[in-house]
């Protein structure tokens, strides 16, 4: 990590350190967090992609999908996404 020297009011630094300690973090971590948010604010946000769960014609889950297994859902969604790419 690189070091950065900035000039700030001493009272502001003391208050910020106290608040950071109360939040269980450090002033350096808070400055990193704020700078990262500052940089990200100009980046375009990608629309959220909500995959559809693979269902059978009757509206239930397709055969072979275990509703108690996250892996089963993920594999089915990945397979469905692969099919969409082929179209």
PDB file of N, CA and C in Angstrom:
ATOM      1  N   UNK A   1       0.838  -1.185   0.000  1.00  0.00           N
ATOM      2  CA  UNK A   1       0.000   0.000   0.000  1.00  0.00           C
ATOM      3  C   UNK A   1       0.874   1.236   0.000  1.00  0.00           C
ATOM      4  N   UNK A   2       0.372   2.261  -0.622  1.00  0.00           N
ATOM      5  CA  UNK A   2       1.093   3.526  -0.665  1.00  0.00           C
ATOM      6  C   UNK A   2       0.659   4.406   0.502  1.00  0.00           C
ATOM      7  N   UNK A   3       1.546   5.275   0.918  1.00  0.00           N
ATOM      8  CA  UNK A   3       1.225   6.249   1.954  1.00  0.00           C
ATOM      9  C   UNK A   3       0.840   7.559   1.297  1.00  0.00           C
ATOM     10  N   UNK A   4      -0.070   8.291   1.934  1.00  0.00           N
ATOM     11  CA  UNK A   4      -0.538   9.567   1.424  1.00  0.00           C
ATOM     12  C   UNK A   4      -0.500  10.575   2.559  1.00  0.00           C
ATOM     13  N   UNK A   5       0.093  11.726   2.309  1.00  0.00           N
ATOM     14  CA  UNK A   5       0.135  12.782   3.322  1.00  0.00           C
ATOM     15  C   UNK A   5      -0.886  13.839   2.961  1.00  0.00           C
ATOM     16  N   UNK A   6      -1.806  14.111   3.892  1.00  0.00           N
ATOM     17  CA  UNK A   6      -2.810  15.150   3.672  1.00  0.00           C
ATOM     18  C   UNK A   6      -2.821  16.090   4.876  1.00  0.00           C
ATOM     19  N   UNK A   7      -3.261  17.296   4.651  1.00  0.00           N
ATOM     20  CA  UNK A   7      -3.350  18.290   5.722  1.00  0.00           C
ATOM     21  C   UNK A   7      -4.805  18.445   6.128  1.00  0.00           C
ATOM     22  N   UNK A   8      -5.078  18.202   7.419  1.00  0.00           N
ATOM     23  CA  UNK A   8      -6.429  18.331   7.951  1.00  0.00           C
ATOM     24  C   UNK A   8      -6.379  19.030   9.295  1.00  0.00           C
ATOM     25  N   UNK A   9      -7.492  19.595   9.674  1.00  0.00           N
ATOM     26  CA  UNK A   9      -7.625  20.243  10.971  1.00  0.00           C
ATOM     27  C   UNK A   9      -7.435  19.203  12.077  1.00  0.00           C
ATOM     28  N   UNK A  10      -6.602  19.520  13.076  1.00  0.00           N
ATOM     29  CA  UNK A  10      -6.317  18.575  14.161  1.00  0.00           C
ATOM     30  C   UNK A  10      -7.578  18.128  14.887  1.00  0.00           C
ATOM     31  N   UNK A  11      -8.497  19.045  15.130  1.00  0.00           N
ATOM     32  CA  UNK A  11      -9.727  18.711  15.838  1.00  0.00           C
ATOM     33  C   UNK A  11     -10.573  17.723  15.017  1.00  0.00           C
ATOM     34  N   UNK A  12     -10.596  17.938  13.713  1.00  0.00           N
ATOM     35  CA  UNK A  12     -11.332  17.026  12.834  1.00  0.00           C
ATOM     36  C   UNK A  12     -10.727  15.624  12.892  1.00  0.00           C
ATOM     37  N   UNK A  13      -9.405  15.534  12.881  1.00  0.00           N
ATOM     38  CA  UNK A  13      -8.730  14.239  12.949  1.00  0.00           C
ATOM     39  C   UNK A  13      -9.049  13.539  14.269  1.00  0.00           C
ATOM     40  N   UNK A  14      -9.005  14.271  15.384  1.00  0.00           N
ATOM     41  CA  UNK A  14      -9.312  13.673  16.689  1.00  0.00           C
ATOM     42  C   UNK A  14     -10.742  13.137  16.725  1.00  0.00           C
ATOM     43  N   UNK A  15     -11.684  13.942  16.234  1.00  0.00           N
ATOM     44  CA  UNK A  15     -13.081  13.516  16.227  1.00  0.00           C
ATOM     45  C   UNK A  15     -13.276  12.291  15.328  1.00  0.00           C
ATOM     46  N   UNK A  16     -12.607  12.293  14.194  1.00  0.00           N
ATOM     47  CA  UNK A  16     -12.730  11.179  13.260  1.00  0.00           C
ATOM     48  C   UNK A  16     -12.120   9.905  13.849  1.00  0.00           C
ATOM     49  N   UNK A  17     -11.000  10.026  14.535  1.00  0.00           N
ATOM     50  CA  UNK A  17     -10.382   8.847  15.166  1.00  0.00           C
ATOM     51  C   UNK A  17     -11.289   8.263  16.242  1.00  0.00           C
ATOM     52  N   UNK A  18     -11.872   9.132  17.049  1.00  0.00           N
ATOM     53  CA  UNK A  18     -12.789   8.684  18.103  1.00  0.00           C
ATOM     54  C   UNK A  18     -13.979   7.950  17.489  1.00  0.00           C
ATOM     55  N   UNK A  19     -14.561   8.524  16.431  1.00  0.00           N
ATOM     56  CA  UNK A  19     -15.722   7.899  15.788  1.00  0.00           C
ATOM     57  C   UNK A  19     -15.332   6.550  15.173  1.00  0.00           C
ATOM     58  N   UNK A  20     -14.167   6.483  14.546  1.00  0.00           N
ATOM     59  CA  UNK A  20     -13.711   5.237  13.942  1.00  0.00           C
ATOM     60  C   UNK A  20     -13.534   4.162  15.011  1.00  0.00           C
ATOM     61  N   UNK A  21     -12.948   4.515  16.146  1.00  0.00           N
ATOM     62  CA  UNK A  21     -12.766   3.564  17.241  1.00  0.00           C
ATOM     63  C   UNK A  21     -14.125   3.081  17.748  1.00  0.00           C
ATOM     64  N   UNK A  22     -15.077   4.004  17.866  1.00  0.00           N
ATOM     65  CA  UNK A  22     -16.422   3.627  18.315  1.00  0.00           C
ATOM     66  C   UNK A  22     -17.084   2.653  17.334  1.00  0.00           C
ATOM     67  N   UNK A  23     -16.733   2.756  16.062  1.00  0.00           N
ATOM     68  CA  UNK A  23     -17.282   1.874  15.033  1.00  0.00           C
ATOM     69  C   UNK A  23     -16.446   0.605  14.863  1.00  0.00           C
ATOM     70  N   UNK A  24     -15.387   0.476  15.667  1.00  0.00           N
ATOM     71  CA  UNK A  24     -14.558  -0.723  15.616  1.00  0.00           C
ATOM     72  C   UNK A  24     -13.642  -0.788  14.413  1.00  0.00           C
ATOM     73  N   UNK A  25     -13.222   0.359  13.923  1.00  0.00           N
ATOM     74  CA  UNK A  25     -12.346   0.393  12.760  1.00  0.00           C
ATOM     75  C   UNK A  25     -11.243   1.424  12.990  1.00  0.00           C
ATOM     76  N   UNK A  26     -10.494   1.730  11.965  1.00  0.00           N
ATOM     77  CA  UNK A  26      -9.440   2.738  12.074  1.00  0.00           C
ATOM     78  C   UNK A  26      -9.743   3.896  11.141  1.00  0.00           C
ATOM     79  N   UNK A  27      -9.111   5.007  11.400  1.00  0.00           N
ATOM     80  CA  UNK A  27      -9.294   6.171  10.535  1.00  0.00           C
ATOM     81  C   UNK A  27      -8.756   5.877   9.128  1.00  0.00           C
ATOM     82  N   UNK A  28      -7.662   5.155   9.040  1.00  0.00           N
ATOM     83  CA  UNK A  28      -7.116   4.788   7.727  1.00  0.00           C
ATOM     84  C   UNK A  28      -8.113   3.945   6.940  1.00  0.00           C
ATOM     85  N   UNK A  29      -8.751   2.994   7.611  1.00  0.00           N
ATOM     86  CA  UNK A  29      -9.738   2.146   6.931  1.00  0.00           C
ATOM     87  C   UNK A  29     -10.925   2.974   6.445  1.00  0.00           C
ATOM     88  N   UNK A  30     -11.360   3.927   7.252  1.00  0.00           N
ATOM     89  CA  UNK A  30     -12.484   4.774   6.851  1.00  0.00           C
ATOM     90  C   UNK A  30     -12.110   5.650   5.655  1.00  0.00           C
ATOM     91  N   UNK A  31     -10.892   6.185   5.632  1.00  0.00           N
ATOM     92  CA  UNK A  31     -10.444   7.012   4.508  1.00  0.00           C
ATOM     93  C   UNK A  31     -10.371   6.164   3.244  1.00  0.00           C
ATOM     94  N   UNK A  32      -9.837   4.926   3.353  1.00  0.00           N
ATOM     95  CA  UNK A  32      -9.803   4.021   2.196  1.00  0.00           C
ATOM     96  C   UNK A  32     -11.214   3.760   1.679  1.00  0.00           C
ATOM     97  N   UNK A  33     -12.138   3.492   2.611  1.00  0.00           N
ATOM     98  CA  UNK A  33     -13.531   3.213   2.247  1.00  0.00           C
ATOM     99  C   UNK A  33     -14.166   4.409   1.530  1.00  0.00           C
ATOM    100  N   UNK A  34     -13.943   5.606   2.055  1.00  0.00           N
ATOM    101  CA  UNK A  34     -14.529   6.813   1.448  1.00  0.00           C
ATOM    102  C   UNK A  34     -13.915   7.118   0.079  1.00  0.00           C
ATOM    103  N   UNK A  35     -12.602   6.916  -0.052  1.00  0.00           N
ATOM    104  CA  UNK A  35     -11.964   7.150  -1.348  1.00  0.00           C
ATOM    105  C   UNK A  35     -12.449   6.144  -2.387  1.00  0.00           C
ATOM    106  N   UNK A  36     -12.615   4.905  -1.972  1.00  0.00           N
ATOM    107  CA  UNK A  36     -13.119   3.887  -2.898  1.00  0.00           C
ATOM    108  C   UNK A  36     -14.537   4.240  -3.353  1.00  0.00           C
ATOM    109  N   UNK A  37     -15.380   4.692  -2.428  1.00  0.00           N
ATOM    110  CA  UNK A  37     -16.745   5.093  -2.784  1.00  0.00           C
ATOM    111  C   UNK A  37     -16.717   6.304  -3.709  1.00  0.00           C
ATOM    112  N   UNK A  38     -15.819   7.230  -3.459  1.00  0.00           N
ATOM    113  CA  UNK A  38     -15.679   8.428  -4.292  1.00  0.00           C
ATOM    114  C   UNK A  38     -15.315   8.057  -5.725  1.00  0.00           C
ATOM    115  N   UNK A  39     -14.390   7.116  -5.873  1.00  0.00           N
ATOM    116  CA  UNK A  39     -13.960   6.682  -7.197  1.00  0.00           C
ATOM    117  C   UNK A  39     -15.083   5.922  -7.906  1.00  0.00           C
ATOM    118  N   UNK A  40     -15.794   5.065  -7.168  1.00  0.00           N
ATOM    119  CA  UNK A  40     -16.850   4.247  -7.764  1.00  0.00           C
ATOM    120  C   UNK A  40     -18.057   5.054  -8.208  1.00  0.00           C
ATOM    121  N   UNK A  41     -18.283   6.230  -7.653  1.00  0.00           N
ATOM    122  CA  UNK A  41     -19.511   6.968  -7.955  1.00  0.00           C
ATOM    123  C   UNK A  41     -19.620   7.363  -9.422  1.00  0.00           C
ATOM    124  N   UNK A  42     -18.511   7.459 -10.132  1.00  0.00           N
ATOM    125  CA  UNK A  42     -18.545   7.820 -11.546  1.00  0.00           C
ATOM    126  C   UNK A  42     -18.612   6.612 -12.472  1.00  0.00           C
ATOM    127  N   UNK A  43     -18.464   5.414 -11.901  1.00  0.00           N
ATOM    128  CA  UNK A  43     -18.501   4.207 -12.726  1.00  0.00           C
ATOM    129  C   UNK A  43     -19.949   3.845 -13.042  1.00  0.00           C
ATOM    130  N   UNK A  44     -20.210   3.461 -14.276  1.00  0.00           N
ATOM    131  CA  UNK A  44     -21.582   3.062 -14.607  1.00  0.00           C
ATOM    132  C   UNK A  44     -21.931   1.765 -13.885  1.00  0.00           C
ATOM    133  N   UNK A  45     -23.143   1.690 -13.425  1.00  0.00           N
ATOM    134  CA  UNK A  45     -23.576   0.484 -12.735  1.00  0.00           C
ATOM    135  C   UNK A  45     -24.254  -0.444 -13.733  1.00  0.00           C
ATOM    136  N   UNK A  46     -23.898  -1.686 -13.651  1.00  0.00           N
ATOM    137  CA  UNK A  46     -24.496  -2.682 -14.542  1.00  0.00           C
ATOM    138  C   UNK A  46     -25.863  -3.080 -13.986  1.00  0.00           C
ATOM    139  N   UNK A  47     -26.833  -3.257 -14.859  1.00  0.00           N
ATOM    140  CA  UNK A  47     -28.141  -3.677 -14.367  1.00  0.00           C
ATOM    141  C   UNK A  47     -28.053  -5.075 -13.758  1.00  0.00           C
ATOM    142  N   UNK A  48     -28.822  -5.285 -12.714  1.00  0.00           N
ATOM    143  CA  UNK A  48     -28.818  -6.586 -12.051  1.00  0.00           C
ATOM    144  C   UNK A  48     -29.438  -7.631 -12.969  1.00  0.00           C
ATOM    145  N   UNK A  49     -28.765  -8.752 -13.063  1.00  0.00           N
ATOM    146  CA  UNK A  49     -29.270  -9.856 -13.870  1.00  0.00           C
ATOM    147  C   UNK A  49     -29.835 -10.901 -12.919  1.00  0.00           C
ATOM    148  N   UNK A  50     -31.113 -11.132 -13.012  1.00  0.00           N
ATOM    149  CA  UNK A  50     -31.753 -12.108 -12.151  1.00  0.00           C
ATOM    150  C   UNK A  50     -32.056 -13.339 -12.994  1.00  0.00           C
ATOM    151  N   UNK A  51     -31.304 -14.408 -12.755  1.00  0.00           N
ATOM    152  CA  UNK A  51     -31.537 -15.604 -13.571  1.00  0.00           C
ATOM    153  C   UNK A  51     -32.875 -16.239 -13.223  1.00  0.00           C
ATOM    154  N   UNK A  52     -33.506 -16.830 -14.225  1.00  0.00           N
ATOM    155  CA  UNK A  52     -34.762 -17.528 -14.004  1.00  0.00           C
ATOM    156  C   UNK A  52     -34.453 -18.947 -13.567  1.00  0.00           C
ATOM    157  N   UNK A  53     -35.217 -19.424 -12.611  1.00  0.00           N
ATOM    158  CA  UNK A  53     -35.056 -20.809 -12.192  1.00  0.00           C
ATOM    159  C   UNK A  53     -35.628 -21.715 -13.265  1.00  0.00           C
ATOM    160  N   UNK A  54     -34.919 -22.766 -13.592  1.00  0.00           N
ATOM    161  CA  UNK A  54     -35.422 -23.683 -14.616  1.00  0.00           C
ATOM    162  C   UNK A  54     -36.651 -24.436 -14.101  1.00  0.00           C
ATOM    163  N   UNK A  55     -37.753 -24.247 -14.766  1.00  0.00           N
ATOM    164  CA  UNK A  55     -38.995 -24.904 -14.354  1.00  0.00           C
ATOM    165  C   UNK A  55     -39.504 -25.800 -15.465  1.00  0.00           C
ATOM    166  N   UNK A  56     -40.287 -26.759 -15.073  1.00  0.00           N
ATOM    167  CA  UNK A  56     -40.940 -27.628 -16.042  1.00  0.00           C
ATOM    168  C   UNK A  56     -42.182 -26.938 -16.563  1.00  0.00           C
ATOM    169  N   UNK A  57     -42.878 -27.550 -17.493  1.00  0.00           N
ATOM    170  CA  UNK A  57     -44.069 -26.952 -18.082  1.00  0.00           C
ATOM    171  C   UNK A  57     -45.197 -26.733 -17.091  1.00  0.00           C
ATOM    172  N   UNK A  58     -45.199 -27.502 -15.995  1.00  0.00           N
ATOM    173  CA  UNK A  58     -46.285 -27.377 -15.021  1.00  0.00           C
ATOM    174  C   UNK A  58     -46.012 -26.281 -14.001  1.00  0.00           C
ATOM    175  N   UNK A  59     -44.871 -25.627 -14.079  1.00  0.00           N
ATOM    176  CA  UNK A  59     -44.551 -24.553 -13.150  1.00  0.00           C
ATOM    177  C   UNK A  59     -43.679 -24.994 -11.993  1.00  0.00           C
ATOM    178  N   UNK A  60     -43.474 -26.288 -11.829  1.00  0.00           N
ATOM    179  CA  UNK A  60     -42.591 -26.779 -10.776  1.00  0.00           C
ATOM    180  C   UNK A  60     -41.158 -26.840 -11.269  1.00  0.00           C
ATOM    181  N   UNK A  61     -40.276 -27.226 -10.398  1.00  0.00           N
ATOM    182  CA  UNK A  61     -38.877 -27.365 -10.796  1.00  0.00           C
ATOM    183  C   UNK A  61     -38.717 -28.517 -11.775  1.00  0.00           C
ATOM    184  N   UNK A  62     -37.736 -28.393 -12.626  1.00  0.00           N
ATOM    185  CA  UNK A  62     -37.452 -29.451 -13.599  1.00  0.00           C
ATOM    186  C   UNK A  62     -36.994 -30.708 -12.865  1.00  0.00           C
ATOM    187  N   UNK A  63     -37.248 -31.868 -13.440  1.00  0.00           N
ATOM    188  CA  UNK A  63     -36.783 -33.117 -12.820  1.00  0.00           C
ATOM    189  C   UNK A  63     -35.272 -33.096 -12.647  1.00  0.00           C
ATOM    190  N   UNK A  64     -34.818 -33.657 -11.542  1.00  0.00           N
ATOM    191  CA  UNK A  64     -33.383 -33.740 -11.274  1.00  0.00           C
ATOM    192  C   UNK A  64     -32.853 -32.591 -10.446  1.00  0.00           C
ATOM    193  N   UNK A  65     -33.679 -31.576 -10.149  1.00  0.00           N
ATOM    194  CA  UNK A  65     -33.224 -30.457  -9.321  1.00  0.00           C
ATOM    195  C   UNK A  65     -33.662 -30.726  -7.889  1.00  0.00           C
ATOM    196  N   UNK A  66     -32.678 -30.740  -6.988  1.00  0.00           N
ATOM    197  CA  UNK A  66     -32.937 -30.985  -5.573  1.00  0.00           C
ATOM    198  C   UNK A  66     -33.202 -29.645  -4.887  1.00  0.00           C
ATOM    199  N   UNK A  67     -34.449 -29.390  -4.427  1.00  0.00           N
ATOM    200  CA  UNK A  67     -34.757 -28.096  -3.822  1.00  0.00           C
ATOM    201  C   UNK A  67     -34.014 -27.820  -2.517  1.00  0.00           C
ATOM    202  N   UNK A  68     -33.388 -28.834  -1.940  1.00  0.00           N
ATOM    203  CA  UNK A  68     -32.640 -28.613  -0.694  1.00  0.00           C
ATOM    204  C   UNK A  68     -31.147 -28.406  -0.960  1.00  0.00           C
ATOM    205  N   UNK A  69     -30.757 -28.319  -2.243  1.00  0.00           N
ATOM    206  CA  UNK A  69     -29.348 -28.202  -2.592  1.00  0.00           C
ATOM    207  C   UNK A  69     -29.087 -26.939  -3.410  1.00  0.00           C
ATOM    208  N   UNK A  70     -28.322 -26.024  -2.834  1.00  0.00           N
ATOM    209  CA  UNK A  70     -27.948 -24.817  -3.575  1.00  0.00           C
ATOM    210  C   UNK A  70     -27.153 -25.181  -4.826  1.00  0.00           C
ATOM    211  N   UNK A  71     -26.272 -26.159  -4.697  1.00  0.00           N
ATOM    212  CA  UNK A  71     -25.448 -26.570  -5.840  1.00  0.00           C
ATOM    213  C   UNK A  71     -26.337 -27.015  -7.006  1.00  0.00           C
ATOM    214  N   UNK A  72     -27.396 -27.750  -6.684  1.00  0.00           N
ATOM    215  CA  UNK A  72     -28.316 -28.219  -7.711  1.00  0.00           C
ATOM    216  C   UNK A  72     -28.932 -27.036  -8.466  1.00  0.00           C
ATOM    217  N   UNK A  73     -29.334 -25.995  -7.733  1.00  0.00           N
ATOM    218  CA  UNK A  73     -29.899 -24.797  -8.361  1.00  0.00           C
ATOM    219  C   UNK A  73     -28.859 -24.091  -9.226  1.00  0.00           C
ATOM    220  N   UNK A  74     -27.648 -23.909  -8.673  1.00  0.00           N
ATOM    221  CA  UNK A  74     -26.600 -23.211  -9.415  1.00  0.00           C
ATOM    222  C   UNK A  74     -26.251 -23.942 -10.713  1.00  0.00           C
ATOM    223  N   UNK A  75     -26.129 -25.264 -10.636  1.00  0.00           N
ATOM    224  CA  UNK A  75     -25.800 -26.030 -11.835  1.00  0.00           C
ATOM    225  C   UNK A  75     -26.908 -25.915 -12.882  1.00  0.00           C
ATOM    226  N   UNK A  76     -28.167 -25.943 -12.414  1.00  0.00           N
ATOM    227  CA  UNK A  76     -29.291 -25.828 -13.346  1.00  0.00           C
ATOM    228  C   UNK A  76     -29.315 -24.442 -13.984  1.00  0.00           C
ATOM    229  N   UNK A  77     -29.040 -23.400 -13.190  1.00  0.00           N
ATOM    230  CA  UNK A  77     -29.030 -22.040 -13.740  1.00  0.00           C
ATOM    231  C   UNK A  77     -27.885 -21.855 -14.715  1.00  0.00           C
ATOM    232  N   UNK A  78     -26.710 -22.419 -14.385  1.00  0.00           N
ATOM    233  CA  UNK A  78     -25.565 -22.326 -15.300  1.00  0.00           C
ATOM    234  C   UNK A  78     -25.878 -23.013 -16.618  1.00  0.00           C
ATOM    235  N   UNK A  79     -26.485 -24.181 -16.539  1.00  0.00           N
ATOM    236  CA  UNK A  79     -26.854 -24.902 -17.762  1.00  0.00           C
ATOM    237  C   UNK A  79     -27.860 -24.084 -18.564  1.00  0.00           C
ATOM    238  N   UNK A  80     -28.810 -23.445 -17.899  1.00  0.00           N
ATOM    239  CA  UNK A  80     -29.815 -22.623 -18.576  1.00  0.00           C
ATOM    240  C   UNK A  80     -29.152 -21.424 -19.244  1.00  0.00           C
ATOM    241  N   UNK A  81     -28.168 -20.812 -18.586  1.00  0.00           N
ATOM    242  CA  UNK A  81     -27.455 -19.665 -19.160  1.00  0.00           C
ATOM    243  C   UNK A  81     -26.653 -20.106 -20.387  1.00  0.00           C
ATOM    244  N   UNK A  82     -26.065 -21.311 -20.342  1.00  0.00           N
ATOM    245  CA  UNK A  82     -25.315 -21.827 -21.491  1.00  0.00           C
ATOM    246  C   UNK A  82     -26.238 -22.009 -22.685  1.00  0.00           C
ATOM    247  N   UNK A  83     -27.447 -22.477 -22.446  1.00  0.00           N
ATOM    248  CA  UNK A  83     -28.425 -22.676 -23.523  1.00  0.00           C
ATOM    249  C   UNK A  83     -28.783 -21.325 -24.148  1.00  0.00           C
ATOM    250  N   UNK A  84     -28.940 -20.294 -23.304  1.00  0.00           N
ATOM    251  CA  UNK A  84     -29.294 -18.963 -23.815  1.00  0.00           C
ATOM    252  C   UNK A  84     -28.185 -18.389 -24.685  1.00  0.00           C
ATOM    253  N   UNK A  85     -26.920 -18.680 -24.350  1.00  0.00           N
ATOM    254  CA  UNK A  85     -25.784 -18.181 -25.130  1.00  0.00           C
ATOM    255  C   UNK A  85     -25.752 -18.815 -26.525  1.00  0.00           C
ATOM    256  N   UNK A  86     -26.252 -20.044 -26.631  1.00  0.00           N
ATOM    257  CA  UNK A  86     -26.232 -20.741 -27.900  1.00  0.00           C
ATOM    258  C   UNK A  86     -27.287 -20.206 -28.866  1.00  0.00           C
ATOM    259  N   UNK A  87     -28.304 -19.573 -28.355  1.00  0.00           N
ATOM    260  CA  UNK A  87     -29.397 -19.071 -29.203  1.00  0.00           C
ATOM    261  C   UNK A  87     -28.979 -17.855 -29.984  1.00  0.00           C
TER     262      UNK A  87
END
